[in-house]
Amino acid sequence: NRFNATADIPPQTSIQYQIAIADPVSGSCSGANYVFVGPDGTTGTKFASSSAIPLNNDSVGFENPGRCLRYRTYLTTTNYNVTPTLLDISFNFAL
């Protein structure tokens, strides 16, 4: 259970990620409760690069393993002439 991201990150820019995995509601991911977390499994942190996804199977909030997945990407820059670019992201997952 991990994600791999490929990005172009010029100087003075960064990309961070949060992952949300949830159980489906009535067989559908559209009603799932997504809680976005970072590497320590809390909402206050973000991944700085490709990483293992934390495990949590307590049936509350973030779940891994789970069947529904979303991710957020945070792109930042201090030089408005350049921007980071997320080129590709993939997820490796097994129940």
N, C-alpha and C. Protein backbone atom coordinates (compact mmCIF):
# COMPACT_ATOMS: atom_id res chain seq x y z
N ASN A 1 0.85 -1.17 0.00
CA ASN A 1 0.00 0.00 0.00
C ASN A 1 0.89 1.24 0.00
N ARG A 2 1.07 1.80 -1.18
CA ARG A 2 1.88 3.00 -1.31
C ARG A 2 1.46 3.79 -2.53
N PHE A 3 1.92 5.03 -2.62
CA PHE A 3 1.71 5.80 -3.83
C PHE A 3 3.06 6.27 -4.36
N ASN A 4 3.12 6.42 -5.67
CA ASN A 4 4.32 6.90 -6.34
C ASN A 4 3.92 8.10 -7.18
N ALA A 5 4.62 9.21 -6.97
CA ALA A 5 4.34 10.43 -7.71
C ALA A 5 5.59 10.85 -8.48
N THR A 6 5.37 11.30 -9.69
CA THR A 6 6.43 11.88 -10.51
C THR A 6 6.08 13.34 -10.72
N ALA A 7 7.03 14.22 -10.42
CA ALA A 7 6.73 15.65 -10.48
C ALA A 7 7.96 16.42 -10.96
N ASP A 8 7.69 17.57 -11.54
CA ASP A 8 8.73 18.54 -11.88
C ASP A 8 8.64 19.63 -10.81
N ILE A 9 9.69 19.74 -9.98
CA ILE A 9 9.66 20.65 -8.85
C ILE A 9 10.85 21.62 -8.97
N PRO A 10 10.66 22.76 -9.64
CA PRO A 10 11.74 23.74 -9.77
C PRO A 10 12.12 24.33 -8.41
N PRO A 11 13.29 25.00 -8.31
CA PRO A 11 13.65 25.68 -7.07
C PRO A 11 12.56 26.66 -6.67
N GLN A 12 12.40 26.86 -5.38
CA GLN A 12 11.41 27.76 -4.78
C GLN A 12 9.98 27.26 -4.94
N THR A 13 9.80 25.96 -5.22
CA THR A 13 8.46 25.37 -5.31
C THR A 13 8.43 24.08 -4.51
N SER A 14 7.24 23.59 -4.24
CA SER A 14 7.10 22.29 -3.58
C SER A 14 5.75 21.68 -3.92
N ILE A 15 5.67 20.37 -3.74
CA ILE A 15 4.41 19.64 -3.86
C ILE A 15 4.28 18.76 -2.63
N GLN A 16 3.09 18.77 -2.03
CA GLN A 16 2.78 17.88 -0.92
C GLN A 16 1.47 17.17 -1.23
N TYR A 17 1.23 16.06 -0.52
CA TYR A 17 0.08 15.21 -0.83
C TYR A 17 -0.62 14.81 0.46
N GLN A 18 -1.93 14.58 0.35
CA GLN A 18 -2.71 13.91 1.39
C GLN A 18 -3.56 12.85 0.71
N ILE A 19 -3.79 11.77 1.43
CA ILE A 19 -4.52 10.61 0.91
C ILE A 19 -5.76 10.38 1.77
N ALA A 20 -6.87 10.03 1.13
CA ALA A 20 -8.09 9.65 1.85
C ALA A 20 -8.55 8.31 1.30
N ILE A 21 -8.71 7.35 2.18
CA ILE A 21 -9.24 6.04 1.81
C ILE A 21 -10.43 5.78 2.72
N ALA A 22 -11.53 5.29 2.14
CA ALA A 22 -12.75 5.10 2.91
C ALA A 22 -13.44 3.81 2.48
N ASP A 23 -14.34 3.37 3.33
CA ASP A 23 -15.20 2.25 2.99
C ASP A 23 -16.41 2.79 2.22
N PRO A 24 -16.93 2.04 1.25
CA PRO A 24 -18.11 2.49 0.52
C PRO A 24 -19.35 2.52 1.41
N VAL A 25 -20.31 3.36 1.03
CA VAL A 25 -21.59 3.44 1.73
C VAL A 25 -22.65 2.89 0.77
N SER A 26 -23.33 1.84 1.18
CA SER A 26 -24.34 1.17 0.33
C SER A 26 -23.74 0.78 -1.02
N GLY A 27 -22.47 0.34 -1.00
CA GLY A 27 -21.82 -0.13 -2.22
C GLY A 27 -21.30 0.97 -3.13
N SER A 28 -21.35 2.23 -2.70
CA SER A 28 -20.94 3.35 -3.56
C SER A 28 -19.90 4.23 -2.86
N CYS A 29 -18.91 4.69 -3.62
CA CYS A 29 -17.90 5.60 -3.08
C CYS A 29 -18.40 7.04 -3.03
N SER A 30 -19.49 7.36 -3.72
CA SER A 30 -19.96 8.74 -3.75
C SER A 30 -20.45 9.21 -2.38
N GLY A 31 -20.89 8.32 -1.53
CA GLY A 31 -21.35 8.71 -0.20
C GLY A 31 -20.35 8.41 0.90
N ALA A 32 -19.13 8.03 0.52
CA ALA A 32 -18.11 7.66 1.51
C ALA A 32 -17.64 8.89 2.29
N ASN A 33 -17.17 8.65 3.51
CA ASN A 33 -16.65 9.71 4.37
C ASN A 33 -15.13 9.77 4.19
N TYR A 34 -14.66 10.76 3.42
CA TYR A 34 -13.24 10.88 3.14
C TYR A 34 -12.55 11.77 4.17
N VAL A 35 -11.51 11.25 4.79
CA VAL A 35 -10.68 12.00 5.73
C VAL A 35 -9.26 11.98 5.17
N PHE A 36 -8.71 13.15 4.84
CA PHE A 36 -7.40 13.25 4.21
C PHE A 36 -6.31 13.29 5.28
N VAL A 37 -5.29 12.44 5.11
CA VAL A 37 -4.23 12.33 6.11
C VAL A 37 -2.86 12.35 5.43
N GLY A 38 -1.84 12.55 6.28
CA GLY A 38 -0.45 12.49 5.86
C GLY A 38 0.22 11.23 6.36
N PRO A 39 1.56 11.22 6.39
CA PRO A 39 2.30 9.99 6.69
C PRO A 39 2.09 9.42 8.08
N ASP A 40 1.69 10.26 9.04
CA ASP A 40 1.46 9.74 10.39
C ASP A 40 0.00 9.37 10.63
N GLY A 41 -0.83 9.45 9.58
CA GLY A 41 -2.23 9.07 9.69
C GLY A 41 -3.13 10.15 10.27
N THR A 42 -2.60 11.38 10.42
CA THR A 42 -3.41 12.47 10.96
C THR A 42 -3.70 13.52 9.88
N THR A 43 -4.71 14.32 10.12
CA THR A 43 -5.11 15.35 9.15
C THR A 43 -4.16 16.54 9.12
N GLY A 44 -3.29 16.67 10.10
CA GLY A 44 -2.40 17.82 10.19
C GLY A 44 -1.08 17.67 9.47
N THR A 45 -0.85 16.54 8.80
CA THR A 45 0.42 16.33 8.11
C THR A 45 0.20 16.07 6.63
N LYS A 46 1.28 16.22 5.86
CA LYS A 46 1.25 15.98 4.42
C LYS A 46 2.48 15.18 4.02
N PHE A 47 2.33 14.36 3.00
CA PHE A 47 3.46 13.63 2.43
C PHE A 47 4.30 14.60 1.61
N ALA A 48 5.63 14.51 1.69
CA ALA A 48 6.51 15.36 0.90
C ALA A 48 6.90 14.68 -0.41
N SER A 49 6.71 13.36 -0.49
CA SER A 49 7.10 12.61 -1.70
C SER A 49 6.40 11.26 -1.67
N SER A 50 6.68 10.43 -2.68
CA SER A 50 6.13 9.08 -2.73
C SER A 50 6.38 8.38 -1.40
N SER A 51 5.42 7.54 -0.99
CA SER A 51 5.54 6.97 0.34
C SER A 51 4.59 5.80 0.53
N ALA A 52 4.84 5.04 1.59
CA ALA A 52 3.88 4.04 2.05
C ALA A 52 2.67 4.80 2.61
N ILE A 53 1.50 4.19 2.50
CA ILE A 53 0.27 4.77 3.03
C ILE A 53 0.00 4.12 4.39
N PRO A 54 -0.26 4.92 5.44
CA PRO A 54 -0.45 4.33 6.76
C PRO A 54 -1.67 3.41 6.81
N LEU A 55 -1.57 2.38 7.61
CA LEU A 55 -2.68 1.45 7.82
C LEU A 55 -3.56 1.94 8.95
N ASN A 56 -4.87 1.73 8.81
CA ASN A 56 -5.83 2.07 9.86
C ASN A 56 -7.14 1.38 9.50
N ASN A 57 -7.61 0.52 10.36
CA ASN A 57 -8.84 -0.21 10.08
C ASN A 57 -9.75 -0.19 11.31
N ASP A 58 -10.04 1.02 11.82
CA ASP A 58 -10.86 1.14 13.02
C ASP A 58 -12.31 1.50 12.72
N SER A 59 -12.68 1.57 11.42
CA SER A 59 -14.04 1.88 10.97
C SER A 59 -14.47 3.31 11.28
N VAL A 60 -13.51 4.21 11.52
CA VAL A 60 -13.81 5.61 11.79
C VAL A 60 -12.87 6.48 10.96
N GLY A 61 -13.41 7.36 10.13
CA GLY A 61 -12.59 8.30 9.35
C GLY A 61 -11.73 7.61 8.32
N PHE A 62 -10.43 7.91 8.33
CA PHE A 62 -9.49 7.33 7.38
C PHE A 62 -9.41 5.82 7.58
N GLU A 63 -9.50 5.08 6.49
CA GLU A 63 -9.43 3.62 6.53
C GLU A 63 -8.40 3.12 5.52
N ASN A 64 -7.57 2.23 5.91
CA ASN A 64 -6.68 1.53 4.99
C ASN A 64 -6.41 0.16 5.58
N PRO A 65 -6.96 -0.88 5.01
CA PRO A 65 -7.51 -0.94 3.67
C PRO A 65 -8.93 -0.39 3.58
N GLY A 66 -9.29 0.02 2.38
CA GLY A 66 -10.62 0.51 2.05
C GLY A 66 -10.78 0.44 0.54
N ARG A 67 -11.97 0.65 0.05
CA ARG A 67 -12.22 0.50 -1.39
C ARG A 67 -12.34 1.81 -2.15
N CYS A 68 -12.43 2.92 -1.44
CA CYS A 68 -12.61 4.22 -2.09
C CYS A 68 -11.39 5.10 -1.79
N LEU A 69 -10.84 5.75 -2.81
CA LEU A 69 -9.62 6.52 -2.63
C LEU A 69 -9.74 7.87 -3.32
N ARG A 70 -9.25 8.90 -2.64
CA ARG A 70 -9.08 10.24 -3.21
C ARG A 70 -7.73 10.75 -2.73
N TYR A 71 -7.19 11.72 -3.46
CA TYR A 71 -5.97 12.36 -3.01
C TYR A 71 -6.04 13.85 -3.28
N ARG A 72 -5.26 14.60 -2.50
CA ARG A 72 -5.12 16.04 -2.68
C ARG A 72 -3.66 16.32 -2.95
N THR A 73 -3.43 17.30 -3.80
CA THR A 73 -2.07 17.74 -4.10
C THR A 73 -1.98 19.22 -3.80
N TYR A 74 -1.00 19.61 -3.02
CA TYR A 74 -0.78 21.00 -2.64
C TYR A 74 0.46 21.50 -3.37
N LEU A 75 0.27 22.43 -4.30
CA LEU A 75 1.37 23.01 -5.06
C LEU A 75 1.65 24.40 -4.52
N THR A 76 2.90 24.68 -4.16
CA THR A 76 3.26 25.99 -3.63
C THR A 76 4.47 26.55 -4.37
N THR A 77 4.56 27.87 -4.37
CA THR A 77 5.71 28.55 -4.96
C THR A 77 5.94 29.86 -4.25
N THR A 78 7.19 30.26 -4.17
CA THR A 78 7.52 31.60 -3.68
C THR A 78 8.00 32.48 -4.83
N ASN A 79 8.09 31.90 -6.01
CA ASN A 79 8.49 32.62 -7.21
C ASN A 79 7.38 32.44 -8.23
N TYR A 80 6.59 33.47 -8.46
CA TYR A 80 5.41 33.34 -9.31
C TYR A 80 5.72 33.21 -10.80
N ASN A 81 6.99 33.12 -11.14
CA ASN A 81 7.40 32.85 -12.52
C ASN A 81 7.57 31.36 -12.80
N VAL A 82 7.55 30.55 -11.74
CA VAL A 82 7.68 29.10 -11.90
C VAL A 82 6.64 28.41 -11.03
N THR A 83 6.27 27.21 -11.43
CA THR A 83 5.29 26.44 -10.67
C THR A 83 5.67 24.97 -10.72
N PRO A 84 5.39 24.22 -9.66
CA PRO A 84 5.62 22.78 -9.72
C PRO A 84 4.54 22.12 -10.58
N THR A 85 4.87 20.95 -11.13
CA THR A 85 3.93 20.23 -11.98
C THR A 85 3.88 18.77 -11.56
N LEU A 86 2.69 18.28 -11.23
CA LEU A 86 2.50 16.85 -10.98
C LEU A 86 2.35 16.18 -12.33
N LEU A 87 3.27 15.27 -12.67
CA LEU A 87 3.26 14.62 -13.97
C LEU A 87 2.47 13.32 -13.94
N ASP A 88 2.56 12.58 -12.83
CA ASP A 88 1.92 11.27 -12.76
C ASP A 88 1.82 10.85 -11.31
N ILE A 89 0.73 10.17 -10.98
CA ILE A 89 0.61 9.58 -9.64
C ILE A 89 -0.07 8.22 -9.79
N SER A 90 0.43 7.23 -9.07
CA SER A 90 -0.15 5.89 -9.11
C SER A 90 -0.22 5.33 -7.71
N PHE A 91 -1.16 4.42 -7.52
CA PHE A 91 -1.38 3.80 -6.23
C PHE A 91 -1.26 2.29 -6.34
N ASN A 92 -0.51 1.68 -5.44
CA ASN A 92 -0.38 0.24 -5.35
C ASN A 92 -1.14 -0.18 -4.12
N PHE A 93 -2.15 -1.03 -4.29
CA PHE A 93 -3.01 -1.35 -3.18
C PHE A 93 -3.41 -2.82 -3.23
N ALA A 94 -3.43 -3.44 -2.08
CA ALA A 94 -3.91 -4.82 -1.97
C ALA A 94 -4.69 -4.94 -0.65
N LEU A 95 -5.83 -5.65 -0.72
CA LEU A 95 -6.61 -5.88 0.51
C LEU A 95 -5.96 -6.93 1.36
